[in-house]
Amino acid sequence: MAGGWSRDGAVSEQIEASISDELKRLQARRGPVGESLAECAECGEPIPQKRRDAIPGVKLCIDCQQDRDGAYQARGGINRRGSKDSQLK
């Protein structure tokens, strides 16, 4: 594939690197593992048994989990690694 000023295979490498980065990010966000806690790791409030049964390995109460989920910052979906535009800014 002709890439203009880039070397052969650079586009494929860029795509593979983007996919690899995203997979690493998703794997780091895996759900809870291990045994559930009886009390929240942040506030110390009891975690209801139904929540512990529904989500094995849960460490936070509902309120603390909602606070953490609300703090999530969505990432931009544009891959700018190595693009000409990213070098102009």
PDB file of N, CA and C in Angstrom:
ATOM      1  N   MET A   1       0.841  -1.176   0.000  1.00  0.00           N
ATOM      2  CA  MET A   1       0.000   0.000   0.000  1.00  0.00           C
ATOM      3  C   MET A   1       0.887   1.240   0.000  1.00  0.00           C
ATOM      4  N   ALA A   2       0.592   2.161  -0.878  1.00  0.00           N
ATOM      5  CA  ALA A   2       1.375   3.392  -0.947  1.00  0.00           C
ATOM      6  C   ALA A   2       1.026   4.284   0.228  1.00  0.00           C
ATOM      7  N   GLY A   3       2.039   4.747   0.906  1.00  0.00           N
ATOM      8  CA  GLY A   3       1.808   5.585   2.081  1.00  0.00           C
ATOM      9  C   GLY A   3       2.339   6.985   1.918  1.00  0.00           C
ATOM     10  N   GLY A   4       2.715   7.395   0.704  1.00  0.00           N
ATOM     11  CA  GLY A   4       3.256   8.733   0.506  1.00  0.00           C
ATOM     12  C   GLY A   4       4.639   8.833   1.121  1.00  0.00           C
ATOM     13  N   TRP A   5       4.785   9.634   2.128  1.00  0.00           N
ATOM     14  CA  TRP A   5       6.081   9.875   2.755  1.00  0.00           C
ATOM     15  C   TRP A   5       6.467   8.806   3.765  1.00  0.00           C
ATOM     16  N   SER A   6       5.559   7.897   4.097  1.00  0.00           N
ATOM     17  CA  SER A   6       5.859   6.863   5.095  1.00  0.00           C
ATOM     18  C   SER A   6       6.464   5.624   4.443  1.00  0.00           C
ATOM     19  N   ARG A   7       7.159   4.842   5.240  1.00  0.00           N
ATOM     20  CA  ARG A   7       7.791   3.631   4.721  1.00  0.00           C
ATOM     21  C   ARG A   7       6.748   2.530   4.532  1.00  0.00           C
ATOM     22  N   ASP A   8       7.098   1.497   3.830  1.00  0.00           N
ATOM     23  CA  ASP A   8       6.186   0.378   3.601  1.00  0.00           C
ATOM     24  C   ASP A   8       5.821  -0.278   4.926  1.00  0.00           C
ATOM     25  N   GLY A   9       4.544  -0.546   5.106  1.00  0.00           N
ATOM     26  CA  GLY A   9       4.079  -1.219   6.310  1.00  0.00           C
ATOM     27  C   GLY A   9       3.805  -0.294   7.482  1.00  0.00           C
ATOM     28  N   ALA A  10       4.066   1.001   7.337  1.00  0.00           N
ATOM     29  CA  ALA A  10       3.874   1.926   8.452  1.00  0.00           C
ATOM     30  C   ALA A  10       2.400   2.042   8.838  1.00  0.00           C
ATOM     31  N   VAL A  11       1.523   2.029   7.848  1.00  0.00           N
ATOM     32  CA  VAL A  11       0.094   2.144   8.129  1.00  0.00           C
ATOM     33  C   VAL A  11      -0.389   0.916   8.901  1.00  0.00           C
ATOM     34  N   SER A  12       0.040  -0.256   8.465  1.00  0.00           N
ATOM     35  CA  SER A  12      -0.342  -1.486   9.166  1.00  0.00           C
ATOM     36  C   SER A  12       0.187  -1.493  10.597  1.00  0.00           C
ATOM     37  N   GLU A  13       1.428  -1.030  10.772  1.00  0.00           N
ATOM     38  CA  GLU A  13       1.996  -0.963  12.118  1.00  0.00           C
ATOM     39  C   GLU A  13       1.206  -0.010  13.009  1.00  0.00           C
ATOM     40  N   GLN A  14       0.778   1.100  12.435  1.00  0.00           N
ATOM     41  CA  GLN A  14       0.001   2.077  13.188  1.00  0.00           C
ATOM     42  C   GLN A  14      -1.340   1.487  13.607  1.00  0.00           C
ATOM     43  N   ILE A  15      -1.993   0.791  12.707  1.00  0.00           N
ATOM     44  CA  ILE A  15      -3.277   0.161  13.029  1.00  0.00           C
ATOM     45  C   ILE A  15      -3.093  -0.904  14.104  1.00  0.00           C
ATOM     46  N   GLU A  16      -2.080  -1.746  13.958  1.00  0.00           N
ATOM     47  CA  GLU A  16      -1.821  -2.796  14.952  1.00  0.00           C
ATOM     48  C   GLU A  16      -1.483  -2.200  16.314  1.00  0.00           C
ATOM     49  N   ALA A  17      -0.722  -1.107  16.341  1.00  0.00           N
ATOM     50  CA  ALA A  17      -0.379  -0.460  17.606  1.00  0.00           C
ATOM     51  C   ALA A  17      -1.615   0.126  18.270  1.00  0.00           C
ATOM     52  N   SER A  18      -2.510   0.704  17.474  1.00  0.00           N
ATOM     53  CA  SER A  18      -3.749   1.267  18.028  1.00  0.00           C
ATOM     54  C   SER A  18      -4.622   0.168  18.627  1.00  0.00           C
ATOM     55  N   ILE A  19      -4.733  -0.935  17.924  1.00  0.00           N
ATOM     56  CA  ILE A  19      -5.535  -2.060  18.424  1.00  0.00           C
ATOM     57  C   ILE A  19      -4.909  -2.623  19.695  1.00  0.00           C
ATOM     58  N   SER A  20      -3.607  -2.759  19.701  1.00  0.00           N
ATOM     59  CA  SER A  20      -2.911  -3.277  20.878  1.00  0.00           C
ATOM     60  C   SER A  20      -3.104  -2.358  22.087  1.00  0.00           C
ATOM     61  N   ASP A  21      -2.992  -1.043  21.873  1.00  0.00           N
ATOM     62  CA  ASP A  21      -3.197  -0.087  22.963  1.00  0.00           C
ATOM     63  C   ASP A  21      -4.602  -0.186  23.528  1.00  0.00           C
ATOM     64  N   GLU A  22      -5.584  -0.298  22.657  1.00  0.00           N
ATOM     65  CA  GLU A  22      -6.982  -0.371  23.107  1.00  0.00           C
ATOM     66  C   GLU A  22      -7.241  -1.673  23.854  1.00  0.00           C
ATOM     67  N   LEU A  23      -6.679  -2.779  23.384  1.00  0.00           N
ATOM     68  CA  LEU A  23      -6.845  -4.051  24.087  1.00  0.00           C
ATOM     69  C   LEU A  23      -6.230  -4.002  25.480  1.00  0.00           C
ATOM     70  N   LYS A  24      -5.059  -3.394  25.601  1.00  0.00           N
ATOM     71  CA  LYS A  24      -4.426  -3.252  26.918  1.00  0.00           C
ATOM     72  C   LYS A  24      -5.285  -2.412  27.847  1.00  0.00           C
ATOM     73  N   ARG A  25      -5.875  -1.336  27.307  1.00  0.00           N
ATOM     74  CA  ARG A  25      -6.734  -0.470  28.119  1.00  0.00           C
ATOM     75  C   ARG A  25      -7.978  -1.225  28.592  1.00  0.00           C
ATOM     76  N   LEU A  26      -8.570  -2.011  27.711  1.00  0.00           N
ATOM     77  CA  LEU A  26      -9.768  -2.768  28.083  1.00  0.00           C
ATOM     78  C   LEU A  26      -9.446  -3.870  29.089  1.00  0.00           C
ATOM     79  N   GLN A  27      -8.307  -4.524  28.926  1.00  0.00           N
ATOM     80  CA  GLN A  27      -7.929  -5.569  29.869  1.00  0.00           C
ATOM     81  C   GLN A  27      -7.640  -4.995  31.247  1.00  0.00           C
ATOM     82  N   ALA A  28      -7.141  -3.786  31.298  1.00  0.00           N
ATOM     83  CA  ALA A  28      -6.876  -3.137  32.587  1.00  0.00           C
ATOM     84  C   ALA A  28      -8.170  -2.787  33.303  1.00  0.00           C
ATOM     85  N   ARG A  29      -9.265  -2.660  32.568  1.00  0.00           N
ATOM     86  CA  ARG A  29     -10.560  -2.311  33.154  1.00  0.00           C
ATOM     87  C   ARG A  29     -11.416  -3.540  33.468  1.00  0.00           C
ATOM     88  N   ARG A  30     -10.822  -4.707  33.449  1.00  0.00           N
ATOM     89  CA  ARG A  30     -11.589  -5.927  33.722  1.00  0.00           C
ATOM     90  C   ARG A  30     -12.382  -5.786  35.010  1.00  0.00           C
ATOM     91  N   GLY A  31     -13.439  -6.532  35.121  1.00  0.00           N
ATOM     92  CA  GLY A  31     -14.297  -6.479  36.289  1.00  0.00           C
ATOM     93  C   GLY A  31     -13.614  -7.024  37.530  1.00  0.00           C
ATOM     94  N   PRO A  32     -14.318  -6.956  38.637  1.00  0.00           N
ATOM     95  CA  PRO A  32     -13.755  -7.431  39.901  1.00  0.00           C
ATOM     96  C   PRO A  32     -13.404  -8.916  39.840  1.00  0.00           C
ATOM     97  N   VAL A  33     -12.332  -9.284  40.506  1.00  0.00           N
ATOM     98  CA  VAL A  33     -11.933 -10.684  40.606  1.00  0.00           C
ATOM     99  C   VAL A  33     -11.669 -11.002  42.065  1.00  0.00           C
ATOM    100  N   GLY A  34     -11.685 -12.252  42.378  1.00  0.00           N
ATOM    101  CA  GLY A  34     -11.441 -12.671  43.758  1.00  0.00           C
ATOM    102  C   GLY A  34     -12.727 -12.724  44.565  1.00  0.00           C
ATOM    103  N   GLU A  35     -12.564 -12.669  45.839  1.00  0.00           N
ATOM    104  CA  GLU A  35     -13.705 -12.770  46.746  1.00  0.00           C
ATOM    105  C   GLU A  35     -14.271 -11.388  47.047  1.00  0.00           C
ATOM    106  N   SER A  36     -15.589 -11.299  47.120  1.00  0.00           N
ATOM    107  CA  SER A  36     -16.248 -10.032  47.439  1.00  0.00           C
ATOM    108  C   SER A  36     -15.965  -9.627  48.881  1.00  0.00           C
ATOM    109  N   LEU A  37     -15.915  -8.319  49.092  1.00  0.00           N
ATOM    110  CA  LEU A  37     -15.754  -7.798  50.446  1.00  0.00           C
ATOM    111  C   LEU A  37     -17.118  -7.615  51.101  1.00  0.00           C
ATOM    112  N   ALA A  38     -17.185  -7.761  52.399  1.00  0.00           N
ATOM    113  CA  ALA A  38     -18.436  -7.530  53.123  1.00  0.00           C
ATOM    114  C   ALA A  38     -18.655  -6.044  53.359  1.00  0.00           C
ATOM    115  N   GLU A  39     -17.543  -5.276  53.385  1.00  0.00           N
ATOM    116  CA  GLU A  39     -17.634  -3.837  53.585  1.00  0.00           C
ATOM    117  C   GLU A  39     -16.906  -3.135  52.444  1.00  0.00           C
ATOM    118  N   CYS A  40     -17.410  -1.947  52.097  1.00  0.00           N
ATOM    119  CA  CYS A  40     -16.839  -1.159  51.007  1.00  0.00           C
ATOM    120  C   CYS A  40     -15.386  -0.800  51.311  1.00  0.00           C
ATOM    121  N   ALA A  41     -14.529  -0.926  50.309  1.00  0.00           N
ATOM    122  CA  ALA A  41     -13.107  -0.629  50.470  1.00  0.00           C
ATOM    123  C   ALA A  41     -12.855   0.867  50.634  1.00  0.00           C
ATOM    124  N   GLU A  42     -13.800   1.722  50.210  1.00  0.00           N
ATOM    125  CA  GLU A  42     -13.596   3.162  50.299  1.00  0.00           C
ATOM    126  C   GLU A  42     -14.259   3.780  51.525  1.00  0.00           C
ATOM    127  N   CYS A  43     -15.529   3.461  51.747  1.00  0.00           N
ATOM    128  CA  CYS A  43     -16.252   4.150  52.829  1.00  0.00           C
ATOM    129  C   CYS A  43     -16.518   3.269  54.044  1.00  0.00           C
ATOM    130  N   GLY A  44     -16.369   1.977  53.910  1.00  0.00           N
ATOM    131  CA  GLY A  44     -16.571   1.081  55.044  1.00  0.00           C
ATOM    132  C   GLY A  44     -18.014   0.657  55.284  1.00  0.00           C
ATOM    133  N   GLU A  45     -18.942   1.120  54.459  1.00  0.00           N
ATOM    134  CA  GLU A  45     -20.350   0.720  54.587  1.00  0.00           C
ATOM    135  C   GLU A  45     -20.503  -0.745  54.172  1.00  0.00           C
ATOM    136  N   PRO A  46     -21.474  -1.446  54.774  1.00  0.00           N
ATOM    137  CA  PRO A  46     -21.688  -2.855  54.379  1.00  0.00           C
ATOM    138  C   PRO A  46     -22.181  -2.957  52.925  1.00  0.00           C
ATOM    139  N   ILE A  47     -21.682  -3.955  52.225  1.00  0.00           N
ATOM    140  CA  ILE A  47     -22.132  -4.229  50.861  1.00  0.00           C
ATOM    141  C   ILE A  47     -23.225  -5.290  50.965  1.00  0.00           C
ATOM    142  N   PRO A  48     -24.435  -5.003  50.426  1.00  0.00           N
ATOM    143  CA  PRO A  48     -25.542  -5.968  50.530  1.00  0.00           C
ATOM    144  C   PRO A  48     -25.187  -7.323  49.908  1.00  0.00           C
ATOM    145  N   GLN A  49     -25.692  -8.366  50.506  1.00  0.00           N
ATOM    146  CA  GLN A  49     -25.415  -9.723  50.027  1.00  0.00           C
ATOM    147  C   GLN A  49     -25.860  -9.913  48.584  1.00  0.00           C
ATOM    148  N   LYS A  50     -26.978  -9.315  48.206  1.00  0.00           N
ATOM    149  CA  LYS A  50     -27.462  -9.461  46.825  1.00  0.00           C
ATOM    150  C   LYS A  50     -26.460  -8.875  45.829  1.00  0.00           C
ATOM    151  N   ARG A  51     -25.824  -7.781  46.203  1.00  0.00           N
ATOM    152  CA  ARG A  51     -24.809  -7.185  45.318  1.00  0.00           C
ATOM    153  C   ARG A  51     -23.594  -8.105  45.229  1.00  0.00           C
ATOM    154  N   ARG A  52     -23.184  -8.654  46.354  1.00  0.00           N
ATOM    155  CA  ARG A  52     -22.029  -9.568  46.361  1.00  0.00           C
ATOM    156  C   ARG A  52     -22.313 -10.824  45.558  1.00  0.00           C
ATOM    157  N   ASP A  53     -23.563 -11.290  45.591  1.00  0.00           N
ATOM    158  CA  ASP A  53     -23.935 -12.474  44.806  1.00  0.00           C
ATOM    159  C   ASP A  53     -23.984 -12.150  43.308  1.00  0.00           C
ATOM    160  N   ALA A  54     -24.470 -10.948  42.981  1.00  0.00           N
ATOM    161  CA  ALA A  54     -24.632 -10.564  41.574  1.00  0.00           C
ATOM    162  C   ALA A  54     -23.295 -10.272  40.899  1.00  0.00           C
ATOM    163  N   ILE A  55     -22.353  -9.695  41.658  1.00  0.00           N
ATOM    164  CA  ILE A  55     -21.059  -9.316  41.092  1.00  0.00           C
ATOM    165  C   ILE A  55     -19.952  -9.934  41.937  1.00  0.00           C
ATOM    166  N   PRO A  56     -19.539 -11.150  41.615  1.00  0.00           N
ATOM    167  CA  PRO A  56     -18.473 -11.780  42.393  1.00  0.00           C
ATOM    168  C   PRO A  56     -17.197 -10.939  42.361  1.00  0.00           C
ATOM    169  N   GLY A  57     -16.604 -10.729  43.506  1.00  0.00           N
ATOM    170  CA  GLY A  57     -15.371  -9.960  43.593  1.00  0.00           C
ATOM    171  C   GLY A  57     -15.580  -8.474  43.803  1.00  0.00           C
ATOM    172  N   VAL A  58     -16.814  -8.059  44.066  1.00  0.00           N
ATOM    173  CA  VAL A  58     -17.110  -6.628  44.233  1.00  0.00           C
ATOM    174  C   VAL A  58     -16.396  -6.079  45.473  1.00  0.00           C
ATOM    175  N   LYS A  59     -15.856  -4.871  45.340  1.00  0.00           N
ATOM    176  CA  LYS A  59     -15.100  -4.257  46.437  1.00  0.00           C
ATOM    177  C   LYS A  59     -15.728  -2.952  46.924  1.00  0.00           C
ATOM    178  N   LEU A  60     -16.657  -2.379  46.149  1.00  0.00           N
ATOM    179  CA  LEU A  60     -17.244  -1.083  46.484  1.00  0.00           C
ATOM    180  C   LEU A  60     -18.752  -1.181  46.645  1.00  0.00           C
ATOM    181  N   CYS A  61     -19.289  -0.320  47.516  1.00  0.00           N
ATOM    182  CA  CYS A  61     -20.745  -0.230  47.652  1.00  0.00           C
ATOM    183  C   CYS A  61     -21.307   0.497  46.424  1.00  0.00           C
ATOM    184  N   ILE A  62     -22.599   0.524  46.287  1.00  0.00           N
ATOM    185  CA  ILE A  62     -23.228   1.112  45.112  1.00  0.00           C
ATOM    186  C   ILE A  62     -22.897   2.597  44.992  1.00  0.00           C
ATOM    187  N   ASP A  63     -22.973   3.340  46.105  1.00  0.00           N
ATOM    188  CA  ASP A  63     -22.700   4.783  46.055  1.00  0.00           C
ATOM    189  C   ASP A  63     -21.268   5.079  45.605  1.00  0.00           C
ATOM    190  N   CYS A  64     -20.304   4.383  46.189  1.00  0.00           N
ATOM    191  CA  CYS A  64     -18.899   4.610  45.805  1.00  0.00           C
ATOM    192  C   CYS A  64     -18.650   4.194  44.358  1.00  0.00           C
ATOM    193  N   GLN A  65     -19.290   3.111  43.909  1.00  0.00           N
ATOM    194  CA  GLN A  65     -19.128   2.676  42.521  1.00  0.00           C
ATOM    195  C   GLN A  65     -19.730   3.698  41.571  1.00  0.00           C
ATOM    196  N   GLN A  66     -20.872   4.281  41.925  1.00  0.00           N
ATOM    197  CA  GLN A  66     -21.488   5.302  41.078  1.00  0.00           C
ATOM    198  C   GLN A  66     -20.608   6.547  41.004  1.00  0.00           C
ATOM    199  N   ASP A  67     -20.001   6.922  42.131  1.00  0.00           N
ATOM    200  CA  ASP A  67     -19.082   8.064  42.120  1.00  0.00           C
ATOM    201  C   ASP A  67     -17.899   7.797  41.203  1.00  0.00           C
ATOM    202  N   ARG A  68     -17.366   6.599  41.277  1.00  0.00           N
ATOM    203  CA  ARG A  68     -16.221   6.235  40.441  1.00  0.00           C
ATOM    204  C   ARG A  68     -16.627   6.184  38.967  1.00  0.00           C
ATOM    205  N   ASP A  69     -17.793   5.625  38.672  1.00  0.00           N
ATOM    206  CA  ASP A  69     -18.266   5.556  37.290  1.00  0.00           C
ATOM    207  C   ASP A  69     -18.552   6.946  36.739  1.00  0.00           C
ATOM    208  N   GLY A  70     -19.053   7.837  37.592  1.00  0.00           N
ATOM    209  CA  GLY A  70     -19.339   9.199  37.154  1.00  0.00           C
ATOM    210  C   GLY A  70     -18.087   9.981  36.836  1.00  0.00           C
ATOM    211  N   ALA A  71     -16.958   9.582  37.393  1.00  0.00           N
ATOM    212  CA  ALA A  71     -15.695  10.276  37.155  1.00  0.00           C
ATOM    213  C   ALA A  71     -15.031   9.817  35.864  1.00  0.00           C
ATOM    214  N   TYR A  72     -15.616   8.855  35.176  1.00  0.00           N
ATOM    215  CA  TYR A  72     -15.030   8.329  33.943  1.00  0.00           C
ATOM    216  C   TYR A  72     -14.992   9.420  32.874  1.00  0.00           C
ATOM    217  N   GLN A  73     -13.857   9.587  32.239  1.00  0.00           N
ATOM    218  CA  GLN A  73     -13.683  10.546  31.158  1.00  0.00           C
ATOM    219  C   GLN A  73     -13.590   9.773  29.850  1.00  0.00           C
ATOM    220  N   ALA A  74     -14.515  10.038  28.956  1.00  0.00           N
ATOM    221  CA  ALA A  74     -14.495   9.357  27.663  1.00  0.00           C
ATOM    222  C   ALA A  74     -13.293   9.830  26.851  1.00  0.00           C
ATOM    223  N   ARG A  75     -12.653   8.909  26.177  1.00  0.00           N
ATOM    224  CA  ARG A  75     -11.510   9.247  25.337  1.00  0.00           C
ATOM    225  C   ARG A  75     -11.985   9.563  23.934  1.00  0.00           C
ATOM    226  N   GLY A  76     -11.223  10.372  23.244  1.00  0.00           N
ATOM    227  CA  GLY A  76     -11.526  10.662  21.852  1.00  0.00           C
ATOM    228  C   GLY A  76     -11.307   9.430  20.998  1.00  0.00           C
ATOM    229  N   GLY A  77     -12.097   9.267  19.966  1.00  0.00           N
ATOM    230  CA  GLY A  77     -11.997   8.089  19.128  1.00  0.00           C
ATOM    231  C   GLY A  77     -11.089   8.272  17.925  1.00  0.00           C
ATOM    232  N   ILE A  78     -10.328   9.356  17.901  1.00  0.00           N
ATOM    233  CA  ILE A  78      -9.486   9.620  16.741  1.00  0.00           C
ATOM    234  C   ILE A  78      -8.063   9.158  17.033  1.00  0.00           C
ATOM    235  N   ASN A  79      -7.535   8.382  16.144  1.00  0.00           N
ATOM    236  CA  ASN A  79      -6.156   7.932  16.278  1.00  0.00           C
ATOM    237  C   ASN A  79      -5.253   8.978  15.641  1.00  0.00           C
ATOM    238  N   ARG A  80      -4.471   9.650  16.469  1.00  0.00           N
ATOM    239  CA  ARG A  80      -3.614  10.704  15.949  1.00  0.00           C
ATOM    240  C   ARG A  80      -2.142  10.325  16.046  1.00  0.00           C
ATOM    241  N   ARG A  81      -1.862   9.097  16.366  1.00  0.00           N
ATOM    242  CA  ARG A  81      -0.470   8.665  16.495  1.00  0.00           C
ATOM    243  C   ARG A  81       0.218   8.720  15.135  1.00  0.00           C
ATOM    244  N   GLY A  82       1.234   9.539  15.033  1.00  0.00           N
ATOM    245  CA  GLY A  82       2.040   9.587  13.834  1.00  0.00           C
ATOM    246  C   GLY A  82       1.393  10.262  12.648  1.00  0.00           C
ATOM    247  N   SER A  83       0.240  10.903  12.819  1.00  0.00           N
ATOM    248  CA  SER A  83      -0.371  11.567  11.667  1.00  0.00           C
ATOM    249  C   SER A  83       0.284  12.922  11.453  1.00  0.00           C
ATOM    250  N   LYS A  84       0.205  13.407  10.239  1.00  0.00           N
ATOM    251  CA  LYS A  84       0.804  14.700   9.929  1.00  0.00           C
ATOM    252  C   LYS A  84       0.135  15.816  10.733  1.00  0.00           C
ATOM    253  N   ASP A  85      -1.190  15.733  10.908  1.00  0.00           N
ATOM    254  CA  ASP A  85      -1.908  16.771  11.642  1.00  0.00           C
ATOM    255  C   ASP A  85      -1.430  16.895  13.084  1.00  0.00           C
ATOM    256  N   SER A  86      -1.114  15.768  13.720  1.00  0.00           N
ATOM    257  CA  SER A  86      -0.702  15.817  15.123  1.00  0.00           C
ATOM    258  C   SER A  86       0.654  16.500  15.268  1.00  0.00           C
ATOM    259  N   GLN A  87       1.452  16.501  14.220  1.00  0.00           N
ATOM    260  CA  GLN A  87       2.767  17.124  14.278  1.00  0.00           C
ATOM    261  C   GLN A  87       2.690  18.626  14.022  1.00  0.00           C
ATOM    262  N   LEU A  88       1.564  19.085  13.494  1.00  0.00           N
ATOM    263  CA  LEU A  88       1.407  20.513  13.210  1.00  0.00           C
ATOM    264  C   LEU A  88       0.950  21.304  14.421  1.00  0.00           C
ATOM    265  N   LYS A  89       0.403  20.638  15.423  1.00  0.00           N
ATOM    266  CA  LYS A  89      -0.158  21.345  16.577  1.00  0.00           C
ATOM    267  C   LYS A  89       0.865  21.569  17.645  1.00  0.00           C
TER     268      LYS A  89
END
